Amino acid sequence: MKKLLLTELFLLCSVWLYAQTITGRVYGEGTNNIIAGATVYYGGSMAGTITNNDGWFELRAKQEQIPVIISCIG
């Protein structure tokens, strides 16, 4: 029973440690204006998120080196 519990705990910890995120804040180019509602995504992918009212975003990290694209209309 102890062996099974330790194995499950080890697997849970390894999954938790592997889950990394990229966080940041989006500003307008050349300004200090925060951009709310900007789209942040990986190039060539549908995986992405939108910045909150304070311009912050959180995106799950990928193992590959893929460019992060930020876009906003308006």
PDB file of N, CA and C in Angstrom:
ATOM      1  N   MET A   1       0.832  -1.191   0.000  1.00  0.00           N
ATOM      2  CA  MET A   1       0.000   0.000   0.000  1.00  0.00           C
ATOM      3  C   MET A   1       0.880   1.259   0.000  1.00  0.00           C
ATOM      4  N   LYS A   2       1.931   1.255   0.802  1.00  0.00           N
ATOM      5  CA  LYS A   2       2.822   2.404   0.864  1.00  0.00           C
ATOM      6  C   LYS A   2       3.532   2.624  -0.472  1.00  0.00           C
ATOM      7  N   LYS A   3       3.899   1.516  -1.120  1.00  0.00           N
ATOM      8  CA  LYS A   3       4.581   1.611  -2.403  1.00  0.00           C
ATOM      9  C   LYS A   3       3.668   2.255  -3.450  1.00  0.00           C
ATOM     10  N   LEU A   4       2.408   1.865  -3.461  1.00  0.00           N
ATOM     11  CA  LEU A   4       1.445   2.421  -4.406  1.00  0.00           C
ATOM     12  C   LEU A   4       1.227   3.911  -4.132  1.00  0.00           C
ATOM     13  N   LEU A   5       1.106   4.285  -2.882  1.00  0.00           N
ATOM     14  CA  LEU A   5       0.904   5.679  -2.509  1.00  0.00           C
ATOM     15  C   LEU A   5       2.116   6.526  -2.893  1.00  0.00           C
ATOM     16  N   LEU A   6       3.313   6.022  -2.658  1.00  0.00           N
ATOM     17  CA  LEU A   6       4.521   6.754  -3.018  1.00  0.00           C
ATOM     18  C   LEU A   6       4.648   6.899  -4.537  1.00  0.00           C
ATOM     19  N   THR A   7       4.272   5.866  -5.266  1.00  0.00           N
ATOM     20  CA  THR A   7       4.322   5.926  -6.726  1.00  0.00           C
ATOM     21  C   THR A   7       3.354   6.982  -7.253  1.00  0.00           C
ATOM     22  N   GLU A   8       2.135   6.998  -6.725  1.00  0.00           N
ATOM     23  CA  GLU A   8       1.157   7.990  -7.143  1.00  0.00           C
ATOM     24  C   GLU A   8       1.619   9.404  -6.787  1.00  0.00           C
ATOM     25  N   LEU A   9       2.197   9.578  -5.619  1.00  0.00           N
ATOM     26  CA  LEU A   9       2.703  10.882  -5.201  1.00  0.00           C
ATOM     27  C   LEU A   9       3.829  11.346  -6.119  1.00  0.00           C
ATOM     28  N   PHE A  10       4.732  10.444  -6.476  1.00  0.00           N
ATOM     29  CA  PHE A  10       5.828  10.779  -7.382  1.00  0.00           C
ATOM     30  C   PHE A  10       5.303  11.199  -8.751  1.00  0.00           C
ATOM     31  N   LEU A  11       4.342  10.466  -9.300  1.00  0.00           N
ATOM     32  CA  LEU A  11       3.779  10.804 -10.603  1.00  0.00           C
ATOM     33  C   LEU A  11       3.058  12.146 -10.569  1.00  0.00           C
ATOM     34  N   LEU A  12       2.329  12.400  -9.502  1.00  0.00           N
ATOM     35  CA  LEU A  12       1.618  13.659  -9.362  1.00  0.00           C
ATOM     36  C   LEU A  12       2.595  14.833  -9.287  1.00  0.00           C
ATOM     37  N   CYS A  13       3.664  14.683  -8.534  1.00  0.00           N
ATOM     38  CA  CYS A  13       4.667  15.743  -8.408  1.00  0.00           C
ATOM     39  C   CYS A  13       5.376  15.990  -9.731  1.00  0.00           C
ATOM     40  N   SER A  14       5.685  14.941 -10.469  1.00  0.00           N
ATOM     41  CA  SER A  14       6.390  15.126 -11.734  1.00  0.00           C
ATOM     42  C   SER A  14       5.505  15.840 -12.745  1.00  0.00           C
ATOM     43  N   VAL A  15       4.217  15.564 -12.768  1.00  0.00           N
ATOM     44  CA  VAL A  15       3.299  16.253 -13.669  1.00  0.00           C
ATOM     45  C   VAL A  15       3.165  17.707 -13.243  1.00  0.00           C
ATOM     46  N   TRP A  16       3.075  17.968 -11.953  1.00  0.00           N
ATOM     47  CA  TRP A  16       2.949  19.323 -11.441  1.00  0.00           C
ATOM     48  C   TRP A  16       4.189  20.148 -11.752  1.00  0.00           C
ATOM     49  N   LEU A  17       5.363  19.584 -11.629  1.00  0.00           N
ATOM     50  CA  LEU A  17       6.599  20.305 -11.907  1.00  0.00           C
ATOM     51  C   LEU A  17       6.784  20.555 -13.396  1.00  0.00           C
ATOM     52  N   TYR A  18       6.262  19.683 -14.239  1.00  0.00           N
ATOM     53  CA  TYR A  18       6.427  19.820 -15.678  1.00  0.00           C
ATOM     54  C   TYR A  18       5.538  20.929 -16.254  1.00  0.00           C
ATOM     55  N   ALA A  19       4.391  21.172 -15.630  1.00  0.00           N
ATOM     56  CA  ALA A  19       3.451  22.168 -16.136  1.00  0.00           C
ATOM     57  C   ALA A  19       4.004  23.570 -15.897  1.00  0.00           C
ATOM     58  N   GLN A  20       4.530  24.188 -16.942  1.00  0.00           N
ATOM     59  CA  GLN A  20       5.087  25.524 -16.844  1.00  0.00           C
ATOM     60  C   GLN A  20       4.254  26.479 -17.676  1.00  0.00           C
ATOM     61  N   THR A  21       4.258  27.733 -17.265  1.00  0.00           N
ATOM     62  CA  THR A  21       3.491  28.731 -17.983  1.00  0.00           C
ATOM     63  C   THR A  21       4.348  29.945 -18.313  1.00  0.00           C
ATOM     64  N   ILE A  22       3.941  30.633 -19.352  1.00  0.00           N
ATOM     65  CA  ILE A  22       4.550  31.902 -19.729  1.00  0.00           C
ATOM     66  C   ILE A  22       3.555  32.978 -19.317  1.00  0.00           C
ATOM     67  N   THR A  23       4.013  33.951 -18.559  1.00  0.00           N
ATOM     68  CA  THR A  23       3.147  35.058 -18.168  1.00  0.00           C
ATOM     69  C   THR A  23       3.794  36.365 -18.607  1.00  0.00           C
ATOM     70  N   GLY A  24       2.967  37.360 -18.828  1.00  0.00           N
ATOM     71  CA  GLY A  24       3.501  38.649 -19.223  1.00  0.00           C
ATOM     72  C   GLY A  24       2.414  39.692 -19.302  1.00  0.00           C
ATOM     73  N   ARG A  25       2.839  40.897 -19.642  1.00  0.00           N
ATOM     74  CA  ARG A  25       1.921  42.028 -19.767  1.00  0.00           C
ATOM     75  C   ARG A  25       2.162  42.671 -21.130  1.00  0.00           C
ATOM     76  N   VAL A  26       1.103  43.056 -21.809  1.00  0.00           N
ATOM     77  CA  VAL A  26       1.198  43.612 -23.157  1.00  0.00           C
ATOM     78  C   VAL A  26       0.991  45.128 -23.097  1.00  0.00           C
ATOM     79  N   TYR A  27       1.950  45.840 -23.687  1.00  0.00           N
ATOM     80  CA  TYR A  27       1.895  47.297 -23.797  1.00  0.00           C
ATOM     81  C   TYR A  27       1.873  47.678 -25.268  1.00  0.00           C
ATOM     82  N   GLY A  28       1.363  48.861 -25.560  1.00  0.00           N
ATOM     83  CA  GLY A  28       1.404  49.382 -26.912  1.00  0.00           C
ATOM     84  C   GLY A  28       2.841  49.693 -27.315  1.00  0.00           C
ATOM     85  N   GLU A  29       3.157  49.530 -28.591  1.00  0.00           N
ATOM     86  CA  GLU A  29       4.513  49.755 -29.077  1.00  0.00           C
ATOM     87  C   GLU A  29       4.937  51.201 -28.857  1.00  0.00           C
ATOM     88  N   GLY A  30       6.039  51.390 -28.138  1.00  0.00           N
ATOM     89  CA  GLY A  30       6.583  52.720 -27.889  1.00  0.00           C
ATOM     90  C   GLY A  30       5.814  53.546 -26.875  1.00  0.00           C
ATOM     91  N   THR A  31       4.861  52.914 -26.158  1.00  0.00           N
ATOM     92  CA  THR A  31       4.069  53.641 -25.162  1.00  0.00           C
ATOM     93  C   THR A  31       4.017  52.837 -23.863  1.00  0.00           C
ATOM     94  N   ASN A  32       3.435  53.432 -22.852  1.00  0.00           N
ATOM     95  CA  ASN A  32       3.183  52.725 -21.602  1.00  0.00           C
ATOM     96  C   ASN A  32       1.711  52.354 -21.474  1.00  0.00           C
ATOM     97  N   ASN A  33       0.979  52.388 -22.587  1.00  0.00           N
ATOM     98  CA  ASN A  33      -0.443  52.047 -22.577  1.00  0.00           C
ATOM     99  C   ASN A  33      -0.617  50.536 -22.496  1.00  0.00           C
ATOM    100  N   ILE A  34      -1.390  50.082 -21.532  1.00  0.00           N
ATOM    101  CA  ILE A  34      -1.687  48.656 -21.368  1.00  0.00           C
ATOM    102  C   ILE A  34      -2.728  48.257 -22.415  1.00  0.00           C
ATOM    103  N   ILE A  35      -2.527  47.104 -23.042  1.00  0.00           N
ATOM    104  CA  ILE A  35      -3.446  46.616 -24.069  1.00  0.00           C
ATOM    105  C   ILE A  35      -4.294  45.480 -23.490  1.00  0.00           C
ATOM    106  N   ALA A  36      -5.571  45.769 -23.258  1.00  0.00           N
ATOM    107  CA  ALA A  36      -6.516  44.757 -22.784  1.00  0.00           C
ATOM    108  C   ALA A  36      -7.194  44.125 -23.991  1.00  0.00           C
ATOM    109  N   GLY A  37      -7.431  42.826 -23.940  1.00  0.00           N
ATOM    110  CA  GLY A  37      -8.129  42.125 -25.013  1.00  0.00           C
ATOM    111  C   GLY A  37      -7.256  41.756 -26.198  1.00  0.00           C
ATOM    112  N   ALA A  38      -5.932  41.827 -26.056  1.00  0.00           N
ATOM    113  CA  ALA A  38      -5.031  41.411 -27.131  1.00  0.00           C
ATOM    114  C   ALA A  38      -4.973  39.882 -27.182  1.00  0.00           C
ATOM    115  N   THR A  39      -4.787  39.354 -28.358  1.00  0.00           N
ATOM    116  CA  THR A  39      -4.680  37.912 -28.539  1.00  0.00           C
ATOM    117  C   THR A  39      -3.203  37.508 -28.467  1.00  0.00           C
ATOM    118  N   VAL A  40      -2.913  36.501 -27.645  1.00  0.00           N
ATOM    119  CA  VAL A  40      -1.552  35.971 -27.487  1.00  0.00           C
ATOM    120  C   VAL A  40      -1.616  34.495 -27.832  1.00  0.00           C
ATOM    121  N   TYR A  41      -0.826  34.072 -28.846  1.00  0.00           N
ATOM    122  CA  TYR A  41      -0.894  32.672 -29.279  1.00  0.00           C
ATOM    123  C   TYR A  41       0.435  32.235 -29.879  1.00  0.00           C
ATOM    124  N   TYR A  42       0.569  30.916 -30.037  1.00  0.00           N
ATOM    125  CA  TYR A  42       1.749  30.347 -30.684  1.00  0.00           C
ATOM    126  C   TYR A  42       1.546  30.381 -32.193  1.00  0.00           C
ATOM    127  N   GLY A  43       2.580  30.793 -32.928  1.00  0.00           N
ATOM    128  CA  GLY A  43       2.504  30.853 -34.381  1.00  0.00           C
ATOM    129  C   GLY A  43       2.213  29.480 -34.977  1.00  0.00           C
ATOM    130  N   GLY A  44       1.292  29.432 -35.933  1.00  0.00           N
ATOM    131  CA  GLY A  44       0.928  28.186 -36.585  1.00  0.00           C
ATOM    132  C   GLY A  44       0.101  27.268 -35.713  1.00  0.00           C
ATOM    133  N   SER A  45      -0.526  27.817 -34.684  1.00  0.00           N
ATOM    134  CA  SER A  45      -1.280  27.001 -33.740  1.00  0.00           C
ATOM    135  C   SER A  45      -2.562  27.724 -33.351  1.00  0.00           C
ATOM    136  N   MET A  46      -3.492  26.978 -32.826  1.00  0.00           N
ATOM    137  CA  MET A  46      -4.721  27.562 -32.306  1.00  0.00           C
ATOM    138  C   MET A  46      -4.643  27.761 -30.793  1.00  0.00           C
ATOM    139  N   ALA A  47      -3.535  27.326 -30.179  1.00  0.00           N
ATOM    140  CA  ALA A  47      -3.374  27.448 -28.730  1.00  0.00           C
ATOM    141  C   ALA A  47      -3.037  28.883 -28.368  1.00  0.00           C
ATOM    142  N   GLY A  48      -3.859  29.499 -27.540  1.00  0.00           N
ATOM    143  CA  GLY A  48      -3.599  30.867 -27.159  1.00  0.00           C
ATOM    144  C   GLY A  48      -4.528  31.348 -26.064  1.00  0.00           C
ATOM    145  N   THR A  49      -4.451  32.651 -25.788  1.00  0.00           N
ATOM    146  CA  THR A  49      -5.257  33.264 -24.748  1.00  0.00           C
ATOM    147  C   THR A  49      -5.474  34.730 -25.096  1.00  0.00           C
ATOM    148  N   ILE A  50      -6.205  35.430 -24.241  1.00  0.00           N
ATOM    149  CA  ILE A  50      -6.476  36.856 -24.416  1.00  0.00           C
ATOM    150  C   ILE A  50      -6.034  37.580 -23.150  1.00  0.00           C
ATOM    151  N   THR A  51      -5.460  38.776 -23.295  1.00  0.00           N
ATOM    152  CA  THR A  51      -5.038  39.536 -22.118  1.00  0.00           C
ATOM    153  C   THR A  51      -6.258  40.023 -21.342  1.00  0.00           C
ATOM    154  N   ASN A  52      -6.080  40.139 -20.019  1.00  0.00           N
ATOM    155  CA  ASN A  52      -7.182  40.603 -19.176  1.00  0.00           C
ATOM    156  C   ASN A  52      -7.252  42.132 -19.201  1.00  0.00           C
ATOM    157  N   ASN A  53      -8.073  42.725 -18.349  1.00  0.00           N
ATOM    158  CA  ASN A  53      -8.255  44.177 -18.331  1.00  0.00           C
ATOM    159  C   ASN A  53      -6.992  44.934 -17.958  1.00  0.00           C
ATOM    160  N   ASP A  54      -6.054  44.279 -17.273  1.00  0.00           N
ATOM    161  CA  ASP A  54      -4.789  44.903 -16.888  1.00  0.00           C
ATOM    162  C   ASP A  54      -3.660  44.565 -17.851  1.00  0.00           C
ATOM    163  N   GLY A  55      -3.964  43.892 -18.957  1.00  0.00           N
ATOM    164  CA  GLY A  55      -2.962  43.558 -19.966  1.00  0.00           C
ATOM    165  C   GLY A  55      -2.163  42.301 -19.679  1.00  0.00           C
ATOM    166  N   TRP A  56      -2.476  41.575 -18.622  1.00  0.00           N
ATOM    167  CA  TRP A  56      -1.733  40.359 -18.262  1.00  0.00           C
ATOM    168  C   TRP A  56      -2.283  39.146 -19.000  1.00  0.00           C
ATOM    169  N   PHE A  57      -1.383  38.210 -19.297  1.00  0.00           N
ATOM    170  CA  PHE A  57      -1.781  36.942 -19.909  1.00  0.00           C
ATOM    171  C   PHE A  57      -0.986  35.803 -19.289  1.00  0.00           C
ATOM    172  N   GLU A  58      -1.509  34.598 -19.444  1.00  0.00           N
ATOM    173  CA  GLU A  58      -0.842  33.378 -18.999  1.00  0.00           C
ATOM    174  C   GLU A  58      -1.058  32.331 -20.073  1.00  0.00           C
ATOM    175  N   LEU A  59       0.041  31.728 -20.520  1.00  0.00           N
ATOM    176  CA  LEU A  59       0.002  30.778 -21.628  1.00  0.00           C
ATOM    177  C   LEU A  59       0.805  29.545 -21.245  1.00  0.00           C
ATOM    178  N   ARG A  60       0.244  28.375 -21.456  1.00  0.00           N
ATOM    179  CA  ARG A  60       0.954  27.137 -21.144  1.00  0.00           C
ATOM    180  C   ARG A  60       2.165  26.991 -22.062  1.00  0.00           C
ATOM    181  N   ALA A  61       3.328  26.742 -21.477  1.00  0.00           N
ATOM    182  CA  ALA A  61       4.582  26.642 -22.232  1.00  0.00           C
ATOM    183  C   ALA A  61       4.608  25.372 -23.081  1.00  0.00           C
ATOM    184  N   LYS A  62       5.232  25.468 -24.230  1.00  0.00           N
ATOM    185  CA  LYS A  62       5.437  24.324 -25.132  1.00  0.00           C
ATOM    186  C   LYS A  62       6.891  23.884 -25.058  1.00  0.00           C
ATOM    187  N   GLN A  63       7.158  22.624 -25.365  1.00  0.00           N
ATOM    188  CA  GLN A  63       8.531  22.122 -25.365  1.00  0.00           C
ATOM    189  C   GLN A  63       9.310  22.637 -26.566  1.00  0.00           C
ATOM    190  N   GLU A  64       8.630  22.805 -27.692  1.00  0.00           N
ATOM    191  CA  GLU A  64       9.300  23.248 -28.911  1.00  0.00           C
ATOM    192  C   GLU A  64       9.549  24.756 -28.851  1.00  0.00           C
ATOM    193  N   GLN A  65      10.470  25.210 -29.689  1.00  0.00           N
ATOM    194  CA  GLN A  65      10.695  26.648 -29.814  1.00  0.00           C
ATOM    195  C   GLN A  65       9.747  27.193 -30.872  1.00  0.00           C
ATOM    196  N   ILE A  66       8.642  27.742 -30.422  1.00  0.00           N
ATOM    197  CA  ILE A  66       7.613  28.282 -31.300  1.00  0.00           C
ATOM    198  C   ILE A  66       7.454  29.767 -30.957  1.00  0.00           C
ATOM    199  N   PRO A  67       7.403  30.641 -31.955  1.00  0.00           N
ATOM    200  CA  PRO A  67       7.253  32.067 -31.659  1.00  0.00           C
ATOM    201  C   PRO A  67       5.880  32.372 -31.053  1.00  0.00           C
ATOM    202  N   VAL A  68       5.884  33.282 -30.091  1.00  0.00           N
ATOM    203  CA  VAL A  68       4.633  33.757 -29.494  1.00  0.00           C
ATOM    204  C   VAL A  68       4.239  35.024 -30.249  1.00  0.00           C
ATOM    205  N   ILE A  69       2.996  35.060 -30.710  1.00  0.00           N
ATOM    206  CA  ILE A  69       2.495  36.196 -31.497  1.00  0.00           C
ATOM    207  C   ILE A  69       1.446  36.940 -30.683  1.00  0.00           C
ATOM    208  N   ILE A  70       1.552  38.257 -30.688  1.00  0.00           N
ATOM    209  CA  ILE A  70       0.596  39.097 -29.981  1.00  0.00           C
ATOM    210  C   ILE A  70      -0.037  40.021 -31.016  1.00  0.00           C
ATOM    211  N   SER A  71      -1.366  40.033 -31.045  1.00  0.00           N
ATOM    212  CA  SER A  71      -2.056  40.906 -31.998  1.00  0.00           C
ATOM    213  C   SER A  71      -3.269  41.538 -31.356  1.00  0.00           C
ATOM    214  N   CYS A  72      -3.605  42.728 -31.864  1.00  0.00           N
ATOM    215  CA  CYS A  72      -4.765  43.440 -31.373  1.00  0.00           C
ATOM    216  C   CYS A  72      -5.249  44.369 -32.475  1.00  0.00           C
ATOM    217  N   ILE A  73      -6.540  44.391 -32.711  1.00  0.00           N
ATOM    218  CA  ILE A  73      -7.108  45.266 -33.726  1.00  0.00           C
ATOM    219  C   ILE A  73      -7.732  46.451 -33.003  1.00  0.00           C
ATOM    220  N   GLY A  74      -7.429  47.632 -33.487  1.00  0.00           N
ATOM    221  CA  GLY A  74      -8.066  48.815 -32.909  1.00  0.00           C
ATOM    222  C   GLY A  74      -7.176  49.782 -32.312  1.00  0.00           C
TER     223      GLY A  74
END
